[in-house]
């Protein structure tokens, strides 16, 4: 299931036995359906810590890492 961080970014959780892995997605520029976005991955599977680091480095202006921290703990 995709968890939306904002209109242009979302993450998805992949459950593992001892931890969770995450992937980050952006809307696909090839999408022609206006009602339903098609998302393309922008990262490989990352640990929770690595995803927090990736988001802090690349999306610091929107407090995205804080939104991800909330999602990752609930």
N, C-alpha and C. Protein backbone atom coordinates (compact mmCIF):
# COMPACT_ATOMS: atom_id res chain seq x y z
N UNK A 1 0.84 -1.16 0.00
CA UNK A 1 0.00 0.00 0.00
C UNK A 1 0.89 1.24 0.00
N UNK A 2 0.55 2.19 -0.80
CA UNK A 2 1.32 3.43 -0.88
C UNK A 2 0.88 4.39 0.22
N UNK A 3 1.85 4.96 0.89
CA UNK A 3 1.62 5.98 1.91
C UNK A 3 2.08 7.31 1.33
N UNK A 4 1.15 8.24 1.14
CA UNK A 4 1.47 9.52 0.51
C UNK A 4 2.12 10.49 1.49
N UNK A 5 3.27 11.00 1.10
CA UNK A 5 3.97 12.01 1.89
C UNK A 5 3.55 13.40 1.44
N UNK A 6 3.26 13.55 0.16
CA UNK A 6 2.68 14.75 -0.43
C UNK A 6 2.13 14.35 -1.81
N UNK A 7 1.72 15.31 -2.62
CA UNK A 7 1.13 14.98 -3.93
C UNK A 7 2.12 14.38 -4.91
N UNK A 8 3.40 14.56 -4.66
CA UNK A 8 4.41 14.12 -5.62
C UNK A 8 5.38 13.08 -5.06
N UNK A 9 5.06 12.52 -3.90
CA UNK A 9 5.98 11.57 -3.29
C UNK A 9 5.23 10.64 -2.36
N UNK A 10 5.55 9.35 -2.46
CA UNK A 10 4.97 8.38 -1.54
C UNK A 10 5.96 7.26 -1.27
N UNK A 11 5.67 6.47 -0.25
CA UNK A 11 6.51 5.35 0.12
C UNK A 11 5.63 4.12 0.29
N UNK A 12 6.29 2.97 0.24
CA UNK A 12 5.60 1.71 0.44
C UNK A 12 6.46 0.84 1.34
N UNK A 13 5.79 0.15 2.29
CA UNK A 13 6.49 -0.70 3.26
C UNK A 13 6.47 -2.15 2.78
N UNK A 14 7.60 -2.80 2.91
CA UNK A 14 7.73 -4.22 2.60
C UNK A 14 8.15 -4.91 3.90
N UNK A 15 7.25 -5.70 4.47
CA UNK A 15 7.51 -6.33 5.76
C UNK A 15 8.48 -7.50 5.61
N UNK A 16 9.42 -7.56 6.51
CA UNK A 16 10.37 -8.66 6.62
C UNK A 16 10.28 -9.22 8.03
N UNK A 17 10.90 -10.34 8.27
CA UNK A 17 10.78 -10.98 9.59
C UNK A 17 11.24 -10.07 10.72
N UNK A 18 12.40 -9.47 10.61
CA UNK A 18 12.95 -8.68 11.70
C UNK A 18 12.86 -7.18 11.51
N UNK A 19 12.62 -6.74 10.29
CA UNK A 19 12.57 -5.30 10.05
C UNK A 19 11.70 -5.02 8.82
N UNK A 20 11.56 -3.76 8.51
CA UNK A 20 10.80 -3.35 7.34
C UNK A 20 11.73 -2.70 6.34
N UNK A 21 11.42 -2.89 5.08
CA UNK A 21 12.13 -2.20 4.01
C UNK A 21 11.14 -1.27 3.34
N UNK A 22 11.65 -0.20 2.76
CA UNK A 22 10.82 0.83 2.16
C UNK A 22 11.29 1.15 0.75
N UNK A 23 10.35 1.55 -0.10
CA UNK A 23 10.66 2.08 -1.42
C UNK A 23 9.96 3.43 -1.55
N UNK A 24 10.58 4.33 -2.28
CA UNK A 24 10.04 5.67 -2.49
C UNK A 24 9.61 5.79 -3.95
N UNK A 25 8.50 6.49 -4.20
CA UNK A 25 7.93 6.61 -5.54
C UNK A 25 7.57 8.06 -5.87
N UNK A 26 7.63 8.37 -7.16
CA UNK A 26 7.17 9.65 -7.71
C UNK A 26 6.16 9.34 -8.82
N UNK A 27 5.31 10.30 -9.16
CA UNK A 27 4.39 10.06 -10.28
C UNK A 27 5.15 9.84 -11.58
N UNK A 28 4.65 8.93 -12.37
CA UNK A 28 5.27 8.64 -13.65
C UNK A 28 4.94 9.76 -14.64
N UNK A 29 5.93 10.29 -15.35
CA UNK A 29 5.65 11.35 -16.33
C UNK A 29 4.87 10.82 -17.53
N UNK A 30 4.84 9.51 -17.72
CA UNK A 30 4.12 8.91 -18.85
C UNK A 30 2.65 8.67 -18.58
N UNK A 31 2.20 8.94 -17.37
CA UNK A 31 0.81 8.68 -17.00
C UNK A 31 -0.14 9.61 -17.75
N UNK A 32 -1.14 9.05 -18.38
CA UNK A 32 -2.13 9.84 -19.11
C UNK A 32 -3.49 9.86 -18.40
N UNK A 33 -3.65 9.02 -17.39
CA UNK A 33 -4.91 8.95 -16.65
C UNK A 33 -4.92 10.06 -15.59
N UNK A 34 -5.81 11.01 -15.74
CA UNK A 34 -5.87 12.15 -14.82
C UNK A 34 -6.48 11.78 -13.47
N UNK A 35 -7.31 10.73 -13.42
CA UNK A 35 -7.98 10.36 -12.17
C UNK A 35 -7.11 9.49 -11.27
N UNK A 36 -6.23 8.72 -11.87
CA UNK A 36 -5.41 7.79 -11.09
C UNK A 36 -3.96 7.89 -11.53
N UNK A 37 -3.09 8.29 -10.61
CA UNK A 37 -1.67 8.43 -10.93
C UNK A 37 -1.01 7.07 -11.04
N UNK A 38 -0.03 7.00 -11.91
CA UNK A 38 0.87 5.85 -11.98
C UNK A 38 2.17 6.27 -11.34
N UNK A 39 2.66 5.45 -10.43
CA UNK A 39 3.85 5.79 -9.67
C UNK A 39 5.03 4.98 -10.15
N UNK A 40 6.22 5.59 -10.17
CA UNK A 40 7.44 4.88 -10.54
C UNK A 40 8.41 4.94 -9.37
N UNK A 41 9.13 3.85 -9.11
CA UNK A 41 10.08 3.86 -7.99
C UNK A 41 11.26 4.78 -8.26
N UNK A 42 11.71 5.45 -7.21
CA UNK A 42 12.90 6.30 -7.32
C UNK A 42 14.02 5.79 -6.42
N UNK A 43 13.73 4.77 -5.60
CA UNK A 43 14.77 4.14 -4.80
C UNK A 43 14.60 2.63 -4.89
N UNK A 44 15.64 1.94 -4.49
CA UNK A 44 15.53 0.50 -4.27
C UNK A 44 14.95 0.31 -2.87
N UNK A 45 14.85 -0.91 -2.42
CA UNK A 45 14.38 -1.15 -1.06
C UNK A 45 15.44 -0.68 -0.08
N UNK A 46 15.00 0.15 0.87
CA UNK A 46 15.91 0.72 1.87
C UNK A 46 15.39 0.42 3.27
N UNK A 47 16.30 0.33 4.22
CA UNK A 47 15.89 0.18 5.61
C UNK A 47 15.20 1.48 6.05
N UNK A 48 14.53 1.43 7.18
CA UNK A 48 13.86 2.62 7.70
C UNK A 48 14.87 3.76 7.91
N UNK A 49 16.01 3.44 8.48
CA UNK A 49 17.04 4.46 8.71
C UNK A 49 17.56 5.03 7.40
N UNK A 50 17.82 4.17 6.43
CA UNK A 50 18.32 4.64 5.14
C UNK A 50 17.28 5.49 4.41
N UNK A 51 16.00 5.13 4.53
CA UNK A 51 14.95 5.93 3.89
C UNK A 51 14.84 7.30 4.55
N UNK A 52 14.93 7.35 5.87
CA UNK A 52 14.92 8.64 6.56
C UNK A 52 16.08 9.51 6.09
N UNK A 53 17.24 8.93 5.95
CA UNK A 53 18.41 9.66 5.47
C UNK A 53 18.19 10.15 4.03
N UNK A 54 17.70 9.28 3.16
CA UNK A 54 17.44 9.66 1.77
C UNK A 54 16.46 10.83 1.69
N UNK A 55 15.38 10.76 2.46
CA UNK A 55 14.38 11.82 2.42
C UNK A 55 14.93 13.13 2.99
N UNK A 56 15.71 13.05 4.06
CA UNK A 56 16.32 14.27 4.63
C UNK A 56 17.26 14.93 3.64
N UNK A 57 18.02 14.12 2.91
CA UNK A 57 18.98 14.66 1.94
C UNK A 57 18.31 15.25 0.71
N UNK A 58 17.19 14.69 0.29
CA UNK A 58 16.59 15.09 -0.98
C UNK A 58 15.31 15.91 -0.88
N UNK A 59 14.66 15.93 0.27
CA UNK A 59 13.38 16.63 0.41
C UNK A 59 13.29 17.39 1.72
N UNK A 60 14.32 18.10 2.08
CA UNK A 60 14.35 18.80 3.36
C UNK A 60 13.39 19.97 3.45
N UNK A 61 13.01 20.57 2.34
CA UNK A 61 12.17 21.77 2.39
C UNK A 61 10.73 21.49 2.78
N UNK A 62 10.26 20.27 2.62
CA UNK A 62 8.85 19.97 2.88
C UNK A 62 8.61 19.18 4.16
N UNK A 63 9.61 19.03 5.01
CA UNK A 63 9.50 18.23 6.23
C UNK A 63 9.03 16.81 5.92
N UNK A 64 9.44 16.31 4.78
CA UNK A 64 9.05 14.98 4.34
C UNK A 64 9.58 13.91 5.29
N UNK A 65 10.80 14.07 5.77
CA UNK A 65 11.37 13.05 6.64
C UNK A 65 10.56 12.92 7.94
N UNK A 66 10.00 14.01 8.43
CA UNK A 66 9.17 13.95 9.62
C UNK A 66 7.86 13.20 9.35
N UNK A 67 7.29 13.40 8.19
CA UNK A 67 6.07 12.68 7.81
C UNK A 67 6.38 11.19 7.69
N UNK A 68 7.53 10.87 7.10
CA UNK A 68 7.92 9.47 6.99
C UNK A 68 8.15 8.86 8.37
N UNK A 69 8.78 9.57 9.26
CA UNK A 69 9.03 9.06 10.61
C UNK A 69 7.71 8.71 11.29
N UNK A 70 6.71 9.53 11.12
CA UNK A 70 5.38 9.25 11.70
C UNK A 70 4.79 7.97 11.08
N UNK A 71 4.83 7.88 9.76
CA UNK A 71 4.28 6.71 9.07
C UNK A 71 5.03 5.44 9.47
N UNK A 72 6.31 5.52 9.58
CA UNK A 72 7.12 4.33 9.86
C UNK A 72 6.93 3.79 11.26
N UNK A 73 6.42 4.60 12.17
CA UNK A 73 6.21 4.14 13.54
C UNK A 73 4.76 3.77 13.81
N UNK A 74 3.88 3.92 12.86
CA UNK A 74 2.46 3.57 13.06
C UNK A 74 2.01 2.47 12.14
